[in-house]
Structure formats: C-alpha cells, structure tokens
PDB file of N, CA and C in Angstrom:
ATOM      1  N   MET A   1       1.072  -1.133  -0.001  1.00  0.00           N
ATOM      2  CA  MET A   1      -0.161   0.354   0.452  1.00  0.00           C
ATOM      3  C   MET A   1       1.017   1.252  -0.042  1.00  0.00           C
ATOM      4  N   THR A   2       0.623   2.201  -0.640  1.00  0.00           N
ATOM      5  CA  THR A   2       0.983   3.306  -0.789  1.00  0.00           C
ATOM      6  C   THR A   2       0.826   4.450  -0.024  1.00  0.00           C
ATOM      7  N   ASP A   3       1.814   5.358   0.130  1.00  0.00           N
ATOM      8  CA  ASP A   3       1.044   6.292   1.267  1.00  0.00           C
ATOM      9  C   ASP A   3      -0.094   6.945   1.525  1.00  0.00           C
ATOM     10  N   PRO A   4       0.232   7.603   0.147  1.00  0.00           N
ATOM     11  CA  PRO A   4      -1.158   7.633  -0.142  1.00  0.00           C
ATOM     12  C   PRO A   4      -2.484   7.547   0.216  1.00  0.00           C
ATOM     13  N   GLU A   5      -2.845   6.290  -0.864  1.00  0.00           N
ATOM     14  CA  GLU A   5      -3.901   5.127  -0.147  1.00  0.00           C
ATOM     15  C   GLU A   5      -3.807   4.436   1.427  1.00  0.00           C
ATOM     16  N   PHE A   6      -2.750   4.550   1.980  1.00  0.00           N
ATOM     17  CA  PHE A   6      -3.263   4.858   3.839  1.00  0.00           C
ATOM     18  C   PHE A   6      -3.342   5.619   4.642  1.00  0.00           C
ATOM     19  N   MET A   7      -3.426   6.827   3.540  1.00  0.00           N
ATOM     20  CA  MET A   7      -4.004   8.179   4.835  1.00  0.00           C
ATOM     21  C   MET A   7      -5.748   7.952   4.051  1.00  0.00           C
ATOM     22  N   ASP A   8      -6.283   7.752   2.966  1.00  0.00           N
ATOM     23  CA  ASP A   8      -7.426   7.804   2.370  1.00  0.00           C
ATOM     24  C   ASP A   8      -7.810   7.164   3.214  1.00  0.00           C
ATOM     25  N   ARG A   9      -7.617   5.427   3.501  1.00  0.00           N
ATOM     26  CA  ARG A   9      -8.061   4.516   3.564  1.00  0.00           C
ATOM     27  C   ARG A   9      -8.142   4.960   5.427  1.00  0.00           C
ATOM     28  N   ALA A  10      -7.162   5.508   5.575  1.00  0.00           N
ATOM     29  CA  ALA A  10      -6.879   5.757   7.048  1.00  0.00           C
ATOM     30  C   ALA A  10      -7.752   7.455   8.035  1.00  0.00           C
ATOM     31  N   GLU A  11      -8.007   7.734   6.932  1.00  0.00           N
ATOM     32  CA  GLU A  11      -9.149   9.103   6.538  1.00  0.00           C
ATOM     33  C   GLU A  11     -10.201   8.264   6.703  1.00  0.00           C
ATOM     34  N   THR A  12     -11.173   7.818   6.348  1.00  0.00           N
ATOM     35  CA  THR A  12     -12.068   6.546   6.194  1.00  0.00           C
ATOM     36  C   THR A  12     -12.224   6.413   7.402  1.00  0.00           C
ATOM     37  N   LEU A  13     -11.419   6.001   7.926  1.00  0.00           N
ATOM     38  CA  LEU A  13     -11.938   5.277   9.412  1.00  0.00           C
ATOM     39  C   LEU A  13     -12.204   6.243  10.145  1.00  0.00           C
ATOM     40  N   LEU A  14     -11.301   7.037  10.297  1.00  0.00           N
ATOM     41  CA  LEU A  14     -10.590   7.886  11.298  1.00  0.00           C
ATOM     42  C   LEU A  14     -12.347   8.937  11.265  1.00  0.00           C
ATOM     43  N   LYS A  15     -13.335   9.290  10.046  1.00  0.00           N
ATOM     44  CA  LYS A  15     -14.436   9.872   9.758  1.00  0.00           C
ATOM     45  C   LYS A  15     -15.459   8.557  10.663  1.00  0.00           C
ATOM     46  N   ALA A  16     -15.483   7.911  10.143  1.00  0.00           N
ATOM     47  CA  ALA A  16     -16.696   6.730  10.188  1.00  0.00           C
ATOM     48  C   ALA A  16     -16.863   7.468  11.706  1.00  0.00           C
ATOM     49  N   VAL A  17     -15.353   6.599  12.372  1.00  0.00           N
ATOM     50  CA  VAL A  17     -15.875   7.144  13.727  1.00  0.00           C
ATOM     51  C   VAL A  17     -16.471   8.076  14.426  1.00  0.00           C
ATOM     52  N   GLU A  18     -15.744   9.099  13.697  1.00  0.00           N
ATOM     53  CA  GLU A  18     -16.630  10.532  14.819  1.00  0.00           C
ATOM     54  C   GLU A  18     -17.709  10.453  14.200  1.00  0.00           C
ATOM     55  N   GLN A  19     -18.253   9.759  12.977  1.00  0.00           N
ATOM     56  CA  GLN A  19     -20.226   9.454  12.639  1.00  0.00           C
ATOM     57  C   GLN A  19     -20.637   8.805  13.384  1.00  0.00           C
ATOM     58  N   CYS A  20     -20.431   7.949  14.167  1.00  0.00           N
ATOM     59  CA  CYS A  20     -20.658   6.986  14.038  1.00  0.00           C
ATOM     60  C   CYS A  20     -21.160   6.654  15.997  1.00  0.00           C
ATOM     61  N   CYS A  21     -20.024   8.477  16.755  1.00  0.00           N
ATOM     62  CA  CYS A  21     -19.854   8.997  17.248  1.00  0.00           C
ATOM     63  C   CYS A  21     -21.192  10.144  18.041  1.00  0.00           C
ATOM     64  N   ASP A  22     -20.980  10.832  16.526  1.00  0.00           N
ATOM     65  CA  ASP A  22     -22.563  11.354  16.822  1.00  0.00           C
ATOM     66  C   ASP A  22     -23.753  10.805  16.598  1.00  0.00           C
ATOM     67  N   ARG A  23     -23.974   9.892  15.214  1.00  0.00           N
ATOM     68  CA  ARG A  23     -24.775   8.869  15.267  1.00  0.00           C
ATOM     69  C   ARG A  23     -24.940   8.501  17.647  1.00  0.00           C
ATOM     70  N   ILE A  24     -24.547   8.124  17.712  1.00  0.00           N
ATOM     71  CA  ILE A  24     -24.151   7.544  19.001  1.00  0.00           C
ATOM     72  C   ILE A  24     -25.689   8.437  20.024  1.00  0.00           C
ATOM     73  N   ASN A  25     -24.870   8.964  19.954  1.00  0.00           N
ATOM     74  CA  ASN A  25     -25.645  10.974  20.582  1.00  0.00           C
ATOM     75  C   ASN A  25     -26.407  11.292  20.449  1.00  0.00           C
ATOM     76  N   ASP A  26     -26.595  11.262  19.460  1.00  0.00           N
ATOM     77  CA  ASP A  26     -27.917  11.119  18.713  1.00  0.00           C
ATOM     78  C   ASP A  26     -28.876  10.798  19.354  1.00  0.00           C
ATOM     79  N   ASP A  27     -29.080   9.014  19.375  1.00  0.00           N
ATOM     80  CA  ASP A  27     -29.771   8.249  19.006  1.00  0.00           C
ATOM     81  C   ASP A  27     -29.550   7.972  19.894  1.00  0.00           C
ATOM     82  N   SER A  28     -28.820   8.229  21.022  1.00  0.00           N
ATOM     83  CA  SER A  28     -29.438   7.644  22.739  1.00  0.00           C
ATOM     84  C   SER A  28     -28.622   8.276  24.563  1.00  0.00           C
ATOM     85  N   ASP A  29     -29.125   7.905  25.099  1.00  0.00           N
ATOM     86  CA  ASP A  29     -28.579   8.497  26.358  1.00  0.00           C
ATOM     87  C   ASP A  29     -27.309   8.594  26.281  1.00  0.00           C
ATOM     88  N   ALA A  30     -26.738   7.921  25.991  1.00  0.00           N
ATOM     89  CA  ALA A  30     -25.393   7.842  26.156  1.00  0.00           C
ATOM     90  C   ALA A  30     -24.255   9.128  25.674  1.00  0.00           C
ATOM     91  N   ASP A  31     -22.577   9.503  25.764  1.00  0.00           N
ATOM     92  CA  ASP A  31     -22.942  10.462  26.561  1.00  0.00           C
ATOM     93  C   ASP A  31     -21.739  10.398  25.889  1.00  0.00           C
ATOM     94  N   VAL A  32     -20.258  10.574  24.465  1.00  0.00           N
ATOM     95  CA  VAL A  32     -19.298   9.817  24.160  1.00  0.00           C
ATOM     96  C   VAL A  32     -19.084  11.586  23.003  1.00  0.00           C
ATOM     97  N   ASP A  33     -17.657  12.154  23.944  1.00  0.00           N
ATOM     98  CA  ASP A  33     -16.983  13.450  23.934  1.00  0.00           C
ATOM     99  C   ASP A  33     -16.086  12.454  22.961  1.00  0.00           C
ATOM    100  N   ASN A  34     -15.955  13.093  21.379  1.00  0.00           N
ATOM    101  CA  ASN A  34     -14.927  12.948  21.406  1.00  0.00           C
ATOM    102  C   ASN A  34     -14.080  14.662  19.887  1.00  0.00           C
ATOM    103  N   GLN A  35     -12.973  14.021  20.357  1.00  0.00           N
ATOM    104  CA  GLN A  35     -11.944  15.266  19.766  1.00  0.00           C
ATOM    105  C   GLN A  35     -10.249  14.667  19.638  1.00  0.00           C
ATOM    106  N   ARG A  36     -10.864  15.258  18.141  1.00  0.00           N
ATOM    107  CA  ARG A  36      -9.980  14.925  16.888  1.00  0.00           C
ATOM    108  C   ARG A  36      -8.624  16.116  17.042  1.00  0.00           C
ATOM    109  N   VAL A  37      -7.687  15.146  16.097  1.00  0.00           N
ATOM    110  CA  VAL A  37      -6.278  16.367  16.714  1.00  0.00           C
ATOM    111  C   VAL A  37      -5.524  15.976  15.839  1.00  0.00           C
ATOM    112  N   GLY A  38      -5.609  16.157  14.239  1.00  0.00           N
ATOM    113  CA  GLY A  38      -4.727  15.385  13.123  1.00  0.00           C
ATOM    114  C   GLY A  38      -4.504  14.094  13.320  1.00  0.00           C
ATOM    115  N   GLY A  39      -3.915  13.126  13.284  1.00  0.00           N
ATOM    116  CA  GLY A  39      -4.521  11.943  13.230  1.00  0.00           C
ATOM    117  C   GLY A  39      -5.225  11.063  13.773  1.00  0.00           C
ATOM    118  N   MET A  40      -5.741  11.273  14.954  1.00  0.00           N
ATOM    119  CA  MET A  40      -5.560  11.093  16.218  1.00  0.00           C
ATOM    120  C   MET A  40      -7.407  11.349  17.328  1.00  0.00           C
ATOM    121  N   ILE A  41      -7.934  10.769  17.559  1.00  0.00           N
ATOM    122  CA  ILE A  41      -9.228  10.847  17.435  1.00  0.00           C
ATOM    123  C   ILE A  41      -8.581  10.332  19.937  1.00  0.00           C
ATOM    124  N   THR A  42      -9.166  11.259  20.389  1.00  0.00           N
ATOM    125  CA  THR A  42      -9.694  10.821  21.903  1.00  0.00           C
ATOM    126  C   THR A  42     -11.263  10.504  22.096  1.00  0.00           C
ATOM    127  N   LEU A  43     -11.715   9.373  22.511  1.00  0.00           N
ATOM    128  CA  LEU A  43     -12.604   9.066  23.056  1.00  0.00           C
ATOM    129  C   LEU A  43     -13.170   8.667  24.343  1.00  0.00           C
ATOM    130  N   THR A  44     -14.178  10.089  25.229  1.00  0.00           N
ATOM    131  CA  THR A  44     -14.013   9.943  26.531  1.00  0.00           C
ATOM    132  C   THR A  44     -15.983   9.848  26.872  1.00  0.00           C
ATOM    133  N   PHE A  45     -15.450   8.820  28.045  1.00  0.00           N
ATOM    134  CA  PHE A  45     -17.087   7.995  27.844  1.00  0.00           C
ATOM    135  C   PHE A  45     -17.419   9.006  29.742  1.00  0.00           C
ATOM    136  N   ALA A  46     -19.012   9.130  29.887  1.00  0.00           N
ATOM    137  CA  ALA A  46     -19.040   9.702  30.656  1.00  0.00           C
ATOM    138  C   ALA A  46     -18.545   8.713  31.766  1.00  0.00           C
ATOM    139  N   ASN A  47     -17.866   7.827  32.215  1.00  0.00           N
ATOM    140  CA  ASN A  47     -17.282   8.187  33.641  1.00  0.00           C
ATOM    141  C   ASN A  47     -15.960   8.174  33.313  1.00  0.00           C
ATOM    142  N   ARG A  48     -15.333   9.217  32.585  1.00  0.00           N
ATOM    143  CA  ARG A  48     -14.080   9.424  31.935  1.00  0.00           C
ATOM    144  C   ARG A  48     -12.950   8.944  31.781  1.00  0.00           C
ATOM    145  N   SER A  49     -13.532   7.473  31.439  1.00  0.00           N
ATOM    146  CA  SER A  49     -12.983   6.515  30.323  1.00  0.00           C
ATOM    147  C   SER A  49     -11.956   7.107  29.399  1.00  0.00           C
ATOM    148  N   GLN A  50     -11.426   6.819  28.672  1.00  0.00           N
ATOM    149  CA  GLN A  50     -11.139   6.868  27.113  1.00  0.00           C
ATOM    150  C   GLN A  50     -10.577   5.387  26.322  1.00  0.00           C
ATOM    151  N   ILE A  51     -10.685   5.900  25.500  1.00  0.00           N
ATOM    152  CA  ILE A  51      -9.829   5.027  23.967  1.00  0.00           C
ATOM    153  C   ILE A  51      -9.571   5.790  23.348  1.00  0.00           C
ATOM    154  N   ILE A  52      -7.870   5.429  22.649  1.00  0.00           N
ATOM    155  CA  ILE A  52      -7.405   7.051  21.832  1.00  0.00           C
ATOM    156  C   ILE A  52      -7.436   5.808  20.760  1.00  0.00           C
ATOM    157  N   ILE A  53      -7.501   6.481  19.166  1.00  0.00           N
ATOM    158  CA  ILE A  53      -7.354   6.595  18.920  1.00  0.00           C
ATOM    159  C   ILE A  53      -6.963   6.667  17.149  1.00  0.00           C
ATOM    160  N   ASN A  54      -5.376   6.443  16.778  1.00  0.00           N
ATOM    161  CA  ASN A  54      -4.289   6.539  16.172  1.00  0.00           C
ATOM    162  C   ASN A  54      -2.926   6.882  15.211  1.00  0.00           C
ATOM    163  N   LEU A  55      -2.999   7.295  14.211  1.00  0.00           N
ATOM    164  CA  LEU A  55      -2.199   6.814  12.530  1.00  0.00           C
ATOM    165  C   LEU A  55      -1.612   7.016  13.003  1.00  0.00           C
ATOM    166  N   GLN A  56      -0.628   5.396  12.698  1.00  0.00           N
ATOM    167  CA  GLN A  56       1.245   5.137  12.193  1.00  0.00           C
ATOM    168  C   GLN A  56       1.444   5.209  11.735  1.00  0.00           C
ATOM    169  N   LYS A  57       1.563   6.584  11.077  1.00  0.00           N
ATOM    170  CA  LYS A  57       2.337   6.583   8.764  1.00  0.00           C
ATOM    171  C   LYS A  57       3.031   5.721   8.491  1.00  0.00           C
ATOM    172  N   PRO A  58       4.447   5.692   9.553  1.00  0.00           N
ATOM    173  CA  PRO A  58       5.617   5.094   8.004  1.00  0.00           C
ATOM    174  C   PRO A  58       5.435   3.340   8.785  1.00  0.00           C
ATOM    175  N   LEU A  59       4.814   3.558   9.923  1.00  0.00           N
ATOM    176  CA  LEU A  59       3.714   1.542   9.376  1.00  0.00           C
ATOM    177  C   LEU A  59       2.188   1.048   8.995  1.00  0.00           C
ATOM    178  N   HIS A  60       2.536   2.261   8.324  1.00  0.00           N
ATOM    179  CA  HIS A  60       1.159   2.162   8.087  1.00  0.00           C
ATOM    180  C   HIS A  60      -0.115   1.101   8.817  1.00  0.00           C
ATOM    181  N   GLU A  61      -0.024   2.022   9.767  1.00  0.00           N
ATOM    182  CA  GLU A  61      -0.730   1.675  10.762  1.00  0.00           C
ATOM    183  C   GLU A  61      -1.961   1.397  11.838  1.00  0.00           C
ATOM    184  N   VAL A  62      -3.449   1.786  12.598  1.00  0.00           N
ATOM    185  CA  VAL A  62      -4.146   1.873  12.903  1.00  0.00           C
ATOM    186  C   VAL A  62      -3.927   1.568  14.294  1.00  0.00           C
ATOM    187  N   TRP A  63      -3.649   2.078  15.651  1.00  0.00           N
ATOM    188  CA  TRP A  63      -3.215   1.828  16.585  1.00  0.00           C
ATOM    189  C   TRP A  63      -4.545   2.335  17.561  1.00  0.00           C
ATOM    190  N   MET A  64      -4.903   1.736  18.436  1.00  0.00           N
ATOM    191  CA  MET A  64      -5.939   0.886  19.142  1.00  0.00           C
ATOM    192  C   MET A  64      -5.377   1.567  21.036  1.00  0.00           C
ATOM    193  N   ALA A  65      -5.805   2.378  21.761  1.00  0.00           N
ATOM    194  CA  ALA A  65      -5.831   1.907  22.773  1.00  0.00           C
ATOM    195  C   ALA A  65      -6.945   2.387  24.302  1.00  0.00           C
ATOM    196  N   ALA A  66      -7.118   1.842  24.173  1.00  0.00           N
ATOM    197  CA  ALA A  66      -8.183   1.676  25.133  1.00  0.00           C
ATOM    198  C   ALA A  66      -8.086   0.045  26.743  1.00  0.00           C
ATOM    199  N   LYS A  67      -8.712   0.167  27.507  1.00  0.00           N
ATOM    200  CA  LYS A  67      -8.262  -0.386  28.723  1.00  0.00           C
ATOM    201  C   LYS A  67      -8.187  -1.762  28.709  1.00  0.00           C
ATOM    202  N   SER A  68      -8.472  -2.587  28.003  1.00  0.00           N
ATOM    203  CA  SER A  68      -7.671  -2.878  28.069  1.00  0.00           C
ATOM    204  C   SER A  68      -6.899  -4.108  26.938  1.00  0.00           C
ATOM    205  N   GLY A  69      -6.186  -3.360  27.056  1.00  0.00           N
ATOM    206  CA  GLY A  69      -4.923  -3.090  25.931  1.00  0.00           C
ATOM    207  C   GLY A  69      -4.212  -1.758  24.668  1.00  0.00           C
ATOM    208  N   GLY A  70      -3.672  -2.556  23.882  1.00  0.00           N
ATOM    209  CA  GLY A  70      -2.972  -1.547  23.223  1.00  0.00           C
ATOM    210  C   GLY A  70      -3.135  -2.741  21.281  1.00  0.00           C
ATOM    211  N   TYR A  71      -3.907  -2.085  20.913  1.00  0.00           N
ATOM    212  CA  TYR A  71      -4.305  -2.803  19.689  1.00  0.00           C
ATOM    213  C   TYR A  71      -3.364  -2.218  18.489  1.00  0.00           C
ATOM    214  N   HIS A  72      -3.245  -2.742  17.552  1.00  0.00           N
ATOM    215  CA  HIS A  72      -3.228  -2.542  15.874  1.00  0.00           C
ATOM    216  C   HIS A  72      -3.354  -2.711  14.613  1.00  0.00           C
ATOM    217  N   TYR A  73      -3.667  -2.518  13.719  1.00  0.00           N
ATOM    218  CA  TYR A  73      -4.411  -2.980  12.790  1.00  0.00           C
ATOM    219  C   TYR A  73      -3.869  -2.432  11.600  1.00  0.00           C
ATOM    220  N   ARG A  74      -3.259  -3.288  10.720  1.00  0.00           N
ATOM    221  CA  ARG A  74      -3.492  -3.075   8.782  1.00  0.00           C
ATOM    222  C   ARG A  74      -4.503  -3.947   8.637  1.00  0.00           C
ATOM    223  N   TRP A  75      -4.656  -2.838   7.356  1.00  0.00           N
ATOM    224  CA  TRP A  75      -5.406  -3.058   5.989  1.00  0.00           C
ATOM    225  C   TRP A  75      -5.112  -4.052   5.169  1.00  0.00           C
ATOM    226  N   VAL A  76      -6.344  -5.079   5.020  1.00  0.00           N
ATOM    227  CA  VAL A  76      -5.662  -6.687   4.888  1.00  0.00           C
ATOM    228  C   VAL A  76      -7.008  -6.967   4.089  1.00  0.00           C
ATOM    229  N   ASP A  77      -6.941  -7.602   3.059  1.00  0.00           N
ATOM    230  CA  ASP A  77      -8.778  -8.059   1.877  1.00  0.00           C
ATOM    231  C   ASP A  77      -9.524  -6.958   2.623  1.00  0.00           C
ATOM    232  N   GLY A  78      -9.820  -6.019   3.044  1.00  0.00           N
ATOM    233  CA  GLY A  78     -11.334  -4.575   3.033  1.00  0.00           C
ATOM    234  C   GLY A  78     -10.998  -4.716   3.706  1.00  0.00           C
ATOM    235  N   GLN A  79     -10.599  -4.782   5.362  1.00  0.00           N
ATOM    236  CA  GLN A  79      -9.928  -4.291   6.493  1.00  0.00           C
ATOM    237  C   GLN A  79      -9.438  -4.476   7.297  1.00  0.00           C
ATOM    238  N   TRP A  80      -9.520  -3.024   8.681  1.00  0.00           N
ATOM    239  CA  TRP A  80      -8.504  -2.711   9.133  1.00  0.00           C
ATOM    240  C   TRP A  80      -8.665  -4.062  10.149  1.00  0.00           C
ATOM    241  N   GLN A  81      -6.939  -4.837  10.144  1.00  0.00           N
ATOM    242  CA  GLN A  81      -7.303  -6.274  10.755  1.00  0.00           C
ATOM    243  C   GLN A  81      -6.584  -5.991  12.215  1.00  0.00           C
ATOM    244  N   ASP A  82      -6.152  -6.456  13.474  1.00  0.00           N
ATOM    245  CA  ASP A  82      -5.232  -6.210  14.042  1.00  0.00           C
ATOM    246  C   ASP A  82      -4.117  -6.915  13.717  1.00  0.00           C
ATOM    247  N   THR A  83      -3.230  -7.097  14.336  1.00  0.00           N
ATOM    248  CA  THR A  83      -1.972  -7.656  13.590  1.00  0.00           C
ATOM    249  C   THR A  83      -1.690  -9.102  14.452  1.00  0.00           C
ATOM    250  N   LYS A  84      -2.002  -9.133  15.633  1.00  0.00           N
ATOM    251  CA  LYS A  84      -2.052 -10.266  16.329  1.00  0.00           C
ATOM    252  C   LYS A  84      -3.098 -11.685  16.092  1.00  0.00           C
ATOM    253  N   GLY A  85      -3.989 -11.506  14.910  1.00  0.00           N
ATOM    254  CA  GLY A  85      -5.029 -12.052  14.842  1.00  0.00           C
ATOM    255  C   GLY A  85      -6.104 -11.825  15.558  1.00  0.00           C
ATOM    256  N   GLN A  86      -6.416 -10.867  16.387  1.00  0.00           N
ATOM    257  CA  GLN A  86      -7.590 -10.362  16.582  1.00  0.00           C
ATOM    258  C   GLN A  86      -8.950 -10.007  16.690  1.00  0.00           C
ATOM    259  N   GLY A  87      -8.946  -9.643  15.490  1.00  0.00           N
ATOM    260  CA  GLY A  87     -10.219  -9.385  14.055  1.00  0.00           C
ATOM    261  C   GLY A  87     -10.580  -8.028  14.567  1.00  0.00           C
ATOM    262  N   GLU A  88     -11.504  -7.471  13.993  1.00  0.00           N
ATOM    263  CA  GLU A  88     -11.540  -6.602  12.787  1.00  0.00           C
ATOM    264  C   GLU A  88     -12.016  -4.602  13.931  1.00  0.00           C
ATOM    265  N   PHE A  89     -11.692  -3.846  12.851  1.00  0.00           N
ATOM    266  CA  PHE A  89     -11.266  -2.838  14.365  1.00  0.00           C
ATOM    267  C   PHE A  89     -12.426  -2.359  14.702  1.00  0.00           C
ATOM    268  N   PHE A  90     -13.277  -2.466  13.949  1.00  0.00           N
ATOM    269  CA  PHE A  90     -15.106  -1.404  14.462  1.00  0.00           C
ATOM    270  C   PHE A  90     -15.935  -2.763  15.411  1.00  0.00           C
ATOM    271  N   ALA A  91     -15.020  -4.257  15.173  1.00  0.00           N
ATOM    272  CA  ALA A  91     -16.228  -5.005  16.770  1.00  0.00           C
ATOM    273  C   ALA A  91     -15.350  -4.284  17.302  1.00  0.00           C
ATOM    274  N   ALA A  92     -13.779  -4.329  17.445  1.00  0.00           N
ATOM    275  CA  ALA A  92     -12.847  -4.150  18.505  1.00  0.00           C
ATOM    276  C   ALA A  92     -13.156  -2.806  19.379  1.00  0.00           C
ATOM    277  N   LEU A  93     -13.230  -1.565  18.767  1.00  0.00           N
ATOM    278  CA  LEU A  93     -14.135  -0.665  19.452  1.00  0.00           C
ATOM    279  C   LEU A  93     -15.522  -0.845  19.709  1.00  0.00           C
ATOM    280  N   THR A  94     -16.255  -1.310  18.753  1.00  0.00           N
ATOM    281  CA  THR A  94     -17.870  -1.669  19.888  1.00  0.00           C
ATOM    282  C   THR A  94     -17.613  -2.615  21.055  1.00  0.00           C
ATOM    283  N   SER A  95     -16.342  -3.349  21.418  1.00  0.00           N
ATOM    284  CA  SER A  95     -17.052  -4.332  22.242  1.00  0.00           C
ATOM    285  C   SER A  95     -15.553  -2.975  23.916  1.00  0.00           C
ATOM    286  N   ASN A  96     -15.269  -2.666  22.930  1.00  0.00           N
ATOM    287  CA  ASN A  96     -14.471  -2.241  23.908  1.00  0.00           C
ATOM    288  C   ASN A  96     -14.955  -0.353  24.822  1.00  0.00           C
ATOM    289  N   ALA A  97     -15.583  -0.408  23.766  1.00  0.00           N
ATOM    290  CA  ALA A  97     -16.588   0.979  24.041  1.00  0.00           C
ATOM    291  C   ALA A  97     -17.678   0.552  24.791  1.00  0.00           C
ATOM    292  N   SER A  98     -18.665  -0.277  24.468  1.00  0.00           N
ATOM    293  CA  SER A  98     -19.592  -0.579  25.060  1.00  0.00           C
ATOM    294  C   SER A  98     -18.930  -1.148  26.595  1.00  0.00           C
ATOM    295  N   ALA A  99     -17.788  -1.949  27.286  1.00  0.00           N
ATOM    296  CA  ALA A  99     -17.529  -2.129  28.691  1.00  0.00           C
ATOM    297  C   ALA A  99     -16.668  -1.189  28.760  1.00  0.00           C
ATOM    298  N   GLN A 100     -16.116  -0.367  28.600  1.00  0.00           N
ATOM    299  CA  GLN A 100     -16.183   0.945  29.092  1.00  0.00           C
ATOM    300  C   GLN A 100     -17.041   2.649  29.621  1.00  0.00           C
ATOM    301  N   SER A 101     -17.874   1.937  28.481  1.00  0.00           N
ATOM    302  CA  SER A 101     -19.028   3.365  29.028  1.00  0.00           C
ATOM    303  C   SER A 101     -20.064   2.394  30.129  1.00  0.00           C
ATOM    304  N   GLY A 102     -19.990   1.247  30.121  1.00  0.00           N
ATOM    305  CA  GLY A 102     -21.283   0.230  30.380  1.00  0.00           C
ATOM    306  C   GLY A 102     -22.631   0.424  29.814  1.00  0.00           C
ATOM    307  N   LEU A 103     -22.644   0.774  28.530  1.00  0.00           N
ATOM    308  CA  LEU A 103     -23.530   0.758  27.831  1.00  0.00           C
ATOM    309  C   LEU A 103     -24.030   0.112  26.625  1.00  0.00           C
ATOM    310  N   ALA A 104     -24.464  -0.136  25.711  1.00  0.00           N
ATOM    311  CA  ALA A 104     -24.763  -0.835  24.046  1.00  0.00           C
ATOM    312  C   ALA A 104     -24.111  -0.349  23.521  1.00  0.00           C
ATOM    313  N   LEU A 105     -22.906  -0.064  23.444  1.00  0.00           N
ATOM    314  CA  LEU A 105     -23.312   1.132  22.148  1.00  0.00           C
ATOM    315  C   LEU A 105     -22.043   0.600  20.443  1.00  0.00           C
ATOM    316  N   VAL A 106     -22.309   0.835  19.399  1.00  0.00           N
ATOM    317  CA  VAL A 106     -22.266   0.313  17.560  1.00  0.00           C
ATOM    318  C   VAL A 106     -21.695   1.017  16.960  1.00  0.00           C
ATOM    319  N   PHE A 107     -20.629   0.661  16.576  1.00  0.00           N
ATOM    320  CA  PHE A 107     -18.833   1.352  15.976  1.00  0.00           C
ATOM    321  C   PHE A 107     -19.111   0.569  14.919  1.00  0.00           C
ATOM    322  N   THR A 108     -19.589   0.992  13.398  1.00  0.00           N
ATOM    323  CA  THR A 108     -19.096   0.798  12.326  1.00  0.00           C
ATOM    324  C   THR A 108     -18.756   1.552  11.374  1.00  0.00           C
ATOM    325  N   ALA A 109     -18.115   0.473   9.704  1.00  0.00           N
ATOM    326  CA  ALA A 109     -17.512   1.981   9.056  1.00  0.00           C
ATOM    327  C   ALA A 109     -18.512   2.808   8.587  1.00  0.00           C
TER     328      ALA A 109
END
C-alpha cells in the first residue's frame, strides 16, 4: 500500500468513528465526547475513561488504546485487521467502547 492509499483509508476510518459518535449521541442517552487532533481521536465516556485511536503513518497502521490494552491494525482484504489476529477494528471498538461505557454502543465502518 502506498502512503496516499493508507492516508485515504485511514481518513475514512477516522471519519467513520466521528460519525458513529455523533449518531450514538443523537440516538441514545450515551455521552461519548470525541476530540480529534490531526490523526488522533480521543473518545471520552461519561465515566471519564478513554479510548485513543491514532495513525502510525510510517507503519501504515492504526493503533487503538483502550482499558483492555493496545491494538495495532493493518488494512488486509478490505478491512482493518488486528496484526495479532484478534479481529476487525470496528468490532473491537464496539466491544471496548461498550465495556468502558457500560452501554451497548455500536461502531461501524
């Protein structure tokens, strides 16, 4: 993958995360604050716990830091897949955000 291809796919991922936060806040009682600075988004939940998503441009990876640990994702077969075989990015974000917020939250591409 070239650098421009990575940036296009990564930007699409970050925009999807932001749109999901807006949808969650509009359609539920959840309060998910999302703050973006460049290639990094910080999600802050009502209980003050956070999930941080950031781009690792030289590695062509997206990293996610959550209470459960740190995860690295690469574009494989049309999805952002965990580099250690732990699944797809949005499924992991859904699981971690739901666990940290105590609410059933759904994030999709």
